Protein backbone atom coordinates (compact mmCIF):
# COMPACT_ATOMS: atom_id res chain seq x y z
CA UNK A 1 25.63 49.24 5.08
CA UNK A 2 24.60 47.35 2.29
CA UNK A 3 26.63 44.40 2.68
CA UNK A 4 25.27 44.08 5.90
CA UNK A 5 22.02 43.72 5.02
CA UNK A 6 22.64 41.65 1.80
CA UNK A 7 24.27 39.15 3.59
CA UNK A 8 21.47 38.91 6.32
CA UNK A 9 19.14 38.80 3.31
CA UNK A 10 21.61 35.89 1.67
CA UNK A 11 21.52 34.30 5.19
CA UNK A 12 17.33 34.28 5.29
CA UNK A 13 17.30 32.83 2.02
CA UNK A 14 19.32 30.12 2.87
CA UNK A 15 17.92 29.24 6.12
CA UNK A 16 14.47 29.63 4.56
CA UNK A 17 15.38 27.35 0.83
CA UNK A 18 17.14 24.95 3.48
CA UNK A 19 13.79 24.96 5.72
CA UNK A 20 11.58 24.27 2.41
CA UNK A 21 14.30 21.10 1.19
CA UNK A 22 13.76 19.74 4.59
CA UNK A 23 9.71 19.89 4.80
CA UNK A 24 9.75 18.37 0.86
CA UNK A 25 12.00 15.96 2.58
CA UNK A 26 9.98 15.05 6.01
CA UNK A 27 6.69 15.45 2.72
CA UNK A 28 8.76 12.77 1.17
CA UNK A 29 9.14 9.99 3.84
CA UNK A 30 5.83 10.07 5.20
CA UNK A 31 4.49 9.24 1.49
CA UNK A 32 7.06 6.41 1.84
CA UNK A 33 5.69 5.16 4.21
CA UNK A 34 2.20 5.16 3.32
CA UNK A 35 3.48 3.01 0.14
CA UNK A 36 5.04 0.51 1.91
CA UNK A 37 2.42 0.18 4.15
CA UNK A 38 0.08 -0.21 1.21
CA UNK A 39 1.91 -2.48 -0.07
CA UNK A 40 2.06 -5.03 3.09
CA UNK A 41 -1.80 -4.52 2.91
CA UNK A 42 -2.07 -4.88 -0.80
CA UNK A 43 -0.57 -8.47 -0.27
CA UNK A 44 -2.84 -9.96 2.42
CA UNK A 45 -5.29 -8.90 0.30
CA UNK A 46 -4.22 -11.38 -2.42
CA UNK A 47 -3.28 -14.21 -0.07
CA UNK A 48 -6.23 -14.17 1.78
CA UNK A 49 -8.02 -13.91 -2.15
CA UNK A 50 -6.47 -16.36 -2.94
CA UNK A 51 -7.36 -18.55 0.79
CA UNK A 52 -10.93 -17.87 -0.08
CA UNK A 53 -10.68 -19.08 -3.84
CA UNK A 54 -8.92 -22.27 -2.88
CA UNK A 55 -11.66 -22.59 -0.96
CA UNK A 56 -14.77 -21.54 -2.44
CA UNK A 57 -13.13 -24.43 -5.62
CA UNK A 58 -13.50 -26.98 -2.37
CA UNK A 59 -16.91 -26.55 -1.41
CA UNK A 60 -17.63 -26.54 -5.58
CA UNK A 61 -16.29 -29.71 -5.77
CA UNK A 62 -17.61 -31.24 -2.40
CA UNK A 63 -20.91 -29.58 -3.51
CA UNK A 64 -20.61 -31.71 -7.34
CA UNK A 65 -19.50 -34.91 -5.40
CA UNK A 66 -22.27 -35.29 -3.06
CA UNK A 67 -25.10 -34.40 -5.51
CA UNK A 68 -23.39 -36.90 -7.56
CA UNK A 69 -22.97 -39.69 -5.22
CA UNK A 70 -27.53 -38.53 -4.06
CA UNK A 71 -28.62 -39.31 -7.86
CA UNK A 72 -28.66 -42.56 -8.27
CA UNK A 73 -29.72 -43.49 -12.12
CA UNK A 74 -32.51 -45.56 -12.57
CA UNK A 75 -31.46 -49.40 -14.09
């Protein structure tokens, strides 16, 4: 009788261990997917920042050019 109880207990421990490993694996996959999504968003934000930086420099150069064209030196 002791042998069967011990076997049942060991089987229960093995099942519990497998469930814990499965649960950890699911959590790791969820975190990995979040990290992938964040990497995609970071890449898109970097492209947007680069585009905005280019546009700001373009506007600054246009303002600089228009300012220097409007101001005529006194002769």
